Amino acid sequence: METKKFYISRNDDLYNYAEDFEGMFKFSFIKNNDTVFDPGTFFEDQGFDFQKDCLPTLDIKPLDENSSILNTYGKENLSINIFVEDTALKIRQKIHTISFLELNRITTKKFNLDKIGNLCFLQGFIFSCAISLNKNIDENNEVWNKSQILFNIDYTAKLNPEESLFAITYRTFDDERRNKNVVTYVEWNSEDVSSIPSEETFSVIANERLRDQLKRTENNKNFGNFVIELLAGKIIEELIYQCLLNADIENDPIEDSLHSKIAAFFEKNNFDFNAWSNLIKAGGPDALNMISEISILVQNNLEIGTSLENIKFGGTR
């Protein structure tokens, strides 16, 4: 029997034309900051409002008319598609398209994240510029494949590593009662909080059915902050307690472990992680009192009382 072999190959335009795009984009994360070619990763602490306090600004320089990419495809066949990804919700959305025909001079575009109603950017965002051929652009842009991209550049804003305690995994629950009533919970995969990355120790699970409602809640300018802080606070309290209970305080934790993140949080708030851990491990009345202290620590850090105080009821507080 004759054996036939089939091969699929494509011209890798990313490498063929990458030099053409050098110096094309300059970017800044914050309003009134100068755009630069390489702004690096933008880090902020827990509680920073990426949606309201960031104003992604993009300067686009037209390509040289004699560049190889323009000679090959022509301006009329090329576009820049701009995406933003909510890194906590794992949702990527196209927010703008610019035809190369529009780029006759240096063009500045500003993007108000606060107007993107279905995303919240609680833990930051990834802002992407993807250059592609017009024929490769799906009408709704719901699916995006790397093979459609000639060139891509990302700009990342996120929480400081020691501040980002968890990401959210949305899941559809099979149990009818759970699917109706459960909003979030912590799923523990290991009691090892010190020598493995935190994402291997636990996952924060949220109800897929309530995903849109959670987004609407967070975006509510009146009470959204308070509700989300209550949910997050409950999760953080559990993470801190289990971490204190199971931490290996005889050895240094690895960099990305839950232990290292919680210890950094304690240090920032001027508390002794090892002392609290010893009290929890000892059990008895002192350990019970530490549960209350953890709750107070989290509420103070999230400023939950201030959020409640700022809620307006019928035009008054």
Protein backbone atom coordinates (compact mmCIF):
# COMPACT_ATOMS: atom_id res chain seq x y z
CA MET A 1 0.00 0.00 0.00
CA GLU A 2 1.31 3.40 -0.93
CA THR A 3 1.69 5.82 1.96
CA LYS A 4 0.92 9.43 1.21
CA LYS A 5 2.16 12.28 3.35
CA PHE A 6 0.38 15.59 3.62
CA TYR A 7 2.05 18.78 4.76
CA ILE A 8 0.53 22.08 5.79
CA SER A 9 2.73 25.14 5.85
CA ARG A 10 2.30 28.89 5.80
CA ASN A 11 4.56 31.85 5.28
CA ASP A 12 5.48 33.25 8.70
CA ASP A 13 4.88 36.94 8.12
CA LEU A 14 5.62 37.79 11.74
CA TYR A 15 9.30 37.09 11.17
CA ASN A 16 9.39 38.28 7.56
CA TYR A 17 8.12 41.76 8.35
CA ALA A 18 8.84 42.33 12.06
CA GLU A 19 11.52 44.93 11.28
CA ASP A 20 9.00 47.03 9.34
CA PHE A 21 6.99 47.64 12.52
CA GLU A 22 9.86 48.66 14.81
CA GLY A 23 9.18 52.14 16.18
CA MET A 24 5.60 52.17 14.91
CA PHE A 25 3.95 52.20 18.36
CA LYS A 26 4.45 54.31 21.48
CA PHE A 27 2.29 53.79 24.56
CA SER A 28 1.43 55.09 28.02
CA PHE A 29 -0.85 53.72 30.74
CA ILE A 30 -1.68 56.90 32.66
CA LYS A 31 -3.27 60.16 31.53
CA ASN A 32 -0.76 62.97 30.84
CA ASN A 33 2.22 60.57 30.85
CA ASP A 34 4.45 60.70 27.78
CA THR A 35 4.12 57.75 25.41
CA VAL A 36 7.28 55.66 24.99
CA PHE A 37 8.36 52.78 22.77
CA ASP A 38 8.81 50.35 25.67
CA PRO A 39 6.80 51.35 28.76
CA GLY A 40 7.47 48.00 30.48
CA THR A 41 4.94 46.34 32.76
CA PHE A 42 2.83 48.74 34.81
CA PHE A 43 2.55 47.53 38.43
CA GLU A 44 0.14 48.85 41.07
CA ASP A 45 -0.89 47.77 44.56
CA GLN A 46 -4.10 46.07 45.61
CA GLY A 47 -6.99 48.54 45.54
CA PHE A 48 -5.72 50.52 42.55
CA ASP A 49 -8.61 51.25 40.15
CA PHE A 50 -7.18 50.30 36.75
CA GLN A 51 -10.49 51.03 35.02
CA LYS A 52 -10.83 54.62 36.23
CA ASP A 53 -7.21 55.64 36.81
CA CYS A 54 -5.64 54.30 33.61
CA LEU A 55 -6.08 55.93 30.21
CA PRO A 56 -4.24 53.77 27.65
CA THR A 57 -2.79 56.11 25.03
CA LEU A 58 -1.33 54.90 21.76
CA ASP A 59 0.80 56.88 19.30
CA ILE A 60 0.99 55.26 15.86
CA LYS A 61 3.66 56.26 13.36
CA PRO A 62 2.93 55.53 9.67
CA LEU A 63 5.20 53.00 7.99
CA ASP A 64 7.73 54.07 5.40
CA GLU A 65 6.08 53.97 1.96
CA ASN A 66 8.89 51.72 0.73
CA SER A 67 8.58 49.17 3.54
CA SER A 68 8.43 45.57 2.41
CA ILE A 69 5.05 44.91 4.05
CA LEU A 70 3.38 47.78 2.16
CA ASN A 71 5.01 46.76 -1.09
CA THR A 72 3.74 43.22 -0.60
CA TYR A 73 0.15 43.84 0.54
CA GLY A 74 -0.67 47.53 0.09
CA LYS A 75 -2.18 49.91 2.66
CA GLU A 76 -5.74 49.08 1.64
CA ASN A 77 -5.33 45.47 2.78
CA LEU A 78 -3.87 46.08 6.25
CA SER A 79 -5.47 47.05 9.57
CA ILE A 80 -4.54 47.46 13.21
CA ASN A 81 -6.94 45.67 15.54
CA ILE A 82 -6.81 46.80 19.15
CA PHE A 83 -7.80 44.43 21.94
CA VAL A 84 -8.00 44.66 25.71
CA GLU A 85 -8.07 41.66 28.03
CA ASP A 86 -9.42 41.63 31.57
CA THR A 87 -6.79 39.41 33.21
CA ALA A 88 -9.00 38.43 36.17
CA LEU A 89 -12.07 37.52 34.12
CA LYS A 90 -9.99 36.03 31.26
CA ILE A 91 -12.09 37.93 28.69
CA ARG A 92 -10.47 39.48 25.61
CA GLN A 93 -12.43 42.05 23.64
CA LYS A 94 -11.76 44.03 20.47
CA ILE A 95 -12.24 47.75 21.10
CA HIS A 96 -11.05 49.44 17.89
CA THR A 97 -9.87 48.89 14.30
CA ILE A 98 -7.67 51.32 12.34
CA SER A 99 -7.10 50.94 8.60
CA PHE A 100 -3.60 51.66 7.31
CA LEU A 101 -5.29 54.03 4.86
CA GLU A 102 -6.04 56.33 7.85
CA LEU A 103 -2.38 56.54 8.88
CA ASN A 104 -1.06 59.53 6.94
CA ARG A 105 0.64 61.13 9.94
CA ILE A 106 1.41 60.26 13.58
CA THR A 107 -1.96 59.34 15.07
CA THR A 108 -2.87 59.40 18.78
CA LYS A 109 -5.66 57.26 20.18
CA LYS A 110 -6.90 57.34 23.78
CA PHE A 111 -9.05 54.55 25.25
CA ASN A 112 -11.39 55.08 28.21
CA LEU A 113 -11.56 51.74 30.02
CA ASP A 114 -14.43 53.01 32.15
CA LYS A 115 -16.67 52.94 29.08
CA ILE A 116 -16.15 49.20 28.54
CA GLY A 117 -19.17 48.15 30.55
CA ASN A 118 -18.80 44.37 30.63
CA LEU A 119 -15.23 44.32 31.97
CA CYS A 120 -13.88 45.56 35.31
CA PHE A 121 -10.05 45.16 35.22
CA LEU A 122 -9.89 44.37 38.94
CA GLN A 123 -6.42 42.82 38.63
CA GLY A 124 -5.21 44.75 35.57
CA PHE A 125 -5.33 44.33 31.82
CA ILE A 126 -3.39 43.47 28.66
CA PHE A 127 -3.65 46.02 25.86
CA SER A 128 -2.78 44.55 22.44
CA CYS A 129 -2.15 45.93 18.95
CA ALA A 130 -2.45 43.24 16.28
CA ILE A 131 -1.70 43.99 12.62
CA SER A 132 -3.44 41.71 10.14
CA LEU A 133 -4.73 41.46 6.60
CA ASN A 134 -8.32 42.63 6.19
CA LYS A 135 -9.32 39.31 4.63
CA ASN A 136 -8.31 37.54 7.85
CA ILE A 137 -10.61 39.59 10.06
CA ASP A 138 -13.75 37.83 11.17
CA GLU A 139 -16.79 40.11 11.03
CA ASN A 140 -17.51 39.73 14.75
CA ASN A 141 -13.92 39.09 15.86
CA GLU A 142 -15.16 36.53 18.36
CA VAL A 143 -12.36 34.10 17.53
CA TRP A 144 -8.79 35.23 17.01
CA ASN A 145 -5.98 32.95 15.91
CA LYS A 146 -2.27 33.79 15.96
CA SER A 147 -2.01 32.70 12.33
CA GLN A 148 -4.10 35.73 11.37
CA ILE A 149 -1.58 38.17 12.85
CA LEU A 150 1.35 39.71 10.97
CA PHE A 151 2.62 41.55 14.04
CA ASN A 152 1.48 41.88 17.66
CA ILE A 153 2.60 43.94 20.64
CA ASP A 154 1.22 43.75 24.20
CA TYR A 155 1.24 46.30 27.03
CA THR A 156 0.53 44.82 30.46
CA ALA A 157 -0.83 46.45 33.62
CA LYS A 158 -1.22 44.30 36.72
CA LEU A 159 -1.07 44.08 40.48
CA ASN A 160 2.29 43.79 42.19
CA PRO A 161 3.10 40.05 42.40
CA GLU A 162 2.95 39.96 46.19
CA GLU A 163 -0.43 41.70 46.10
CA SER A 164 -2.21 39.47 43.61
CA LEU A 165 -3.49 36.72 45.88
CA PHE A 166 -5.85 34.99 43.47
CA ALA A 167 -7.45 34.86 40.04
CA ILE A 168 -11.01 33.69 39.40
CA THR A 169 -11.99 30.48 37.60
CA TYR A 170 -15.61 30.41 36.41
CA ARG A 171 -17.32 27.03 36.49
CA THR A 172 -20.76 25.65 35.63
CA PHE A 173 -22.14 23.70 38.60
CA ASP A 174 -24.00 20.45 37.94
CA ASP A 175 -25.89 20.51 41.22
CA GLU A 176 -29.09 22.55 40.75
CA ARG A 177 -29.13 24.03 44.27
CA ARG A 178 -25.44 24.95 44.10
CA ASN A 179 -25.89 26.46 40.66
CA LYS A 180 -28.72 28.62 42.00
CA ASN A 181 -27.18 29.80 45.28
CA VAL A 182 -23.37 29.54 45.33
CA VAL A 183 -21.45 32.61 44.19
CA THR A 184 -17.80 31.85 45.01
CA TYR A 185 -15.71 29.47 47.08
CA VAL A 186 -12.09 28.36 47.53
CA GLU A 187 -11.17 24.93 46.18
CA TRP A 188 -8.08 23.57 47.94
CA ASN A 189 -5.80 21.30 45.95
CA SER A 190 -2.96 20.98 48.45
CA GLU A 191 -2.11 21.93 52.01
CA ASP A 192 1.37 22.88 50.81
CA VAL A 193 1.32 26.68 50.93
CA SER A 194 5.09 27.21 51.05
CA SER A 195 6.94 25.16 48.43
CA ILE A 196 4.65 25.17 45.37
CA PRO A 197 3.12 28.05 43.33
CA SER A 198 -0.11 29.38 44.80
CA GLU A 199 -2.17 28.37 41.73
CA GLU A 200 -1.27 24.74 42.51
CA THR A 201 -2.37 25.13 46.13
CA PHE A 202 -5.88 26.49 45.54
CA SER A 203 -8.35 27.89 43.02
CA VAL A 204 -11.04 30.51 43.54
CA ILE A 205 -14.18 29.18 41.85
CA ALA A 206 -17.05 31.44 40.78
CA ASN A 207 -20.46 30.52 39.39
CA GLU A 208 -20.48 30.80 35.58
CA ARG A 209 -24.24 31.44 35.66
CA LEU A 210 -23.64 34.59 37.69
CA ARG A 211 -20.64 35.89 35.73
CA ASP A 212 -22.57 38.70 33.99
CA GLN A 213 -24.34 39.65 37.20
CA LEU A 214 -21.02 39.91 39.02
CA LYS A 215 -19.67 42.15 36.27
CA ARG A 216 -22.77 44.34 36.46
CA THR A 217 -22.41 44.53 40.23
CA GLU A 218 -18.76 45.56 40.06
CA ASN A 219 -19.53 48.25 37.51
CA ASN A 220 -22.28 49.75 39.67
CA LYS A 221 -20.81 53.08 40.78
CA ASN A 222 -23.00 53.24 43.90
CA PHE A 223 -22.64 49.92 45.73
CA GLY A 224 -20.51 47.73 43.41
CA ASN A 225 -17.25 48.26 45.27
CA PHE A 226 -18.78 47.34 48.61
CA VAL A 227 -20.35 44.09 47.36
CA ILE A 228 -17.20 42.92 45.57
CA GLU A 229 -15.05 43.79 48.58
CA LEU A 230 -17.31 41.68 50.81
CA LEU A 231 -16.91 38.70 48.47
CA ALA A 232 -13.16 39.21 48.09
CA GLY A 233 -12.72 39.78 51.82
CA LYS A 234 -14.31 36.44 52.70
CA ILE A 235 -11.98 34.67 50.26
CA ILE A 236 -8.86 36.47 51.53
CA GLU A 237 -9.73 35.63 55.13
CA GLU A 238 -9.86 31.93 54.27
CA LEU A 239 -6.60 32.11 52.34
CA ILE A 240 -4.83 33.84 55.23
CA TYR A 241 -6.14 31.41 57.85
CA GLN A 242 -5.21 28.28 55.89
CA CYS A 243 -1.84 29.77 55.03
CA LEU A 244 -1.03 30.57 58.66
CA LEU A 245 -2.18 27.10 59.70
CA ASN A 246 -0.14 25.19 57.13
CA ALA A 247 2.91 27.42 56.52
CA ASP A 248 6.39 25.96 56.86
CA ILE A 249 7.90 28.71 58.98
CA GLU A 250 11.18 26.83 59.43
CA ASN A 251 12.14 27.43 55.80
CA ASP A 252 11.86 30.30 53.34
CA PRO A 253 8.85 29.97 51.01
CA ILE A 254 9.31 29.91 47.23
CA GLU A 255 8.69 33.21 45.49
CA ASP A 256 5.24 32.56 44.00
CA SER A 257 3.77 30.52 46.85
CA LEU A 258 0.73 31.54 48.85
CA HIS A 259 3.01 31.75 51.89
CA SER A 260 5.27 34.33 50.21
CA LYS A 261 2.30 36.42 49.08
CA ILE A 262 0.59 36.42 52.48
CA ALA A 263 3.89 37.09 54.28
CA ALA A 264 4.46 40.13 52.03
CA PHE A 265 0.92 41.31 52.81
CA PHE A 266 1.63 40.97 56.55
CA GLU A 267 4.93 42.82 56.27
CA LYS A 268 3.26 45.69 54.43
CA ASN A 269 0.73 45.96 57.27
CA ASN A 270 3.45 45.71 59.96
CA PHE A 271 2.39 42.33 61.36
CA ASP A 272 4.58 39.34 62.20
CA PHE A 273 3.54 36.42 59.97
CA ASN A 274 5.49 33.80 61.93
CA ALA A 275 4.04 34.93 65.27
CA TRP A 276 0.49 34.74 63.94
CA SER A 277 1.22 31.34 62.41
CA ASN A 278 2.52 29.97 65.72
CA LEU A 279 -0.63 31.16 67.52
CA ILE A 280 -2.92 29.51 64.94
CA LYS A 281 -0.96 26.25 65.02
CA ALA A 282 -1.08 26.13 68.85
CA GLY A 283 -4.90 26.00 68.89
CA GLY A 284 -7.04 26.88 71.87
CA PRO A 285 -8.58 30.28 72.76
CA ASP A 286 -5.69 32.27 71.28
CA ALA A 287 -6.17 30.60 67.91
CA LEU A 288 -9.88 31.42 68.00
CA ASN A 289 -9.08 35.05 68.73
CA MET A 290 -6.72 35.11 65.73
CA ILE A 291 -9.66 34.33 63.43
CA SER A 292 -11.21 37.61 64.56
CA GLU A 293 -7.91 39.43 64.08
CA ILE A 294 -7.64 38.10 60.51
CA SER A 295 -11.14 39.40 59.74
CA ILE A 296 -10.28 42.82 61.19
CA LEU A 297 -6.99 42.93 59.25
CA VAL A 298 -8.73 42.20 55.93
CA GLN A 299 -11.58 44.68 56.53
CA ASN A 300 -9.09 47.39 57.43
CA ASN A 301 -6.99 46.68 54.35
CA LEU A 302 -9.96 46.71 51.96
CA GLU A 303 -11.51 49.70 53.78
CA ILE A 304 -14.90 47.98 53.71
CA GLY A 305 -16.44 50.38 56.24
CA THR A 306 -15.49 53.36 54.09
CA SER A 307 -17.08 51.70 51.04
CA LEU A 308 -20.32 51.18 52.99
CA GLU A 309 -20.25 54.77 54.20
CA ASN A 310 -19.91 56.04 50.62
CA ILE A 311 -23.03 54.28 49.37
CA LYS A 312 -25.78 56.75 48.55
CA PHE A 313 -29.38 55.91 49.43
CA GLY A 314 -32.02 58.05 47.76
CA GLY A 315 -29.59 60.90 47.27
CA THR A 316 -28.41 60.94 50.89
CA ARG A 317 -25.86 58.96 52.87
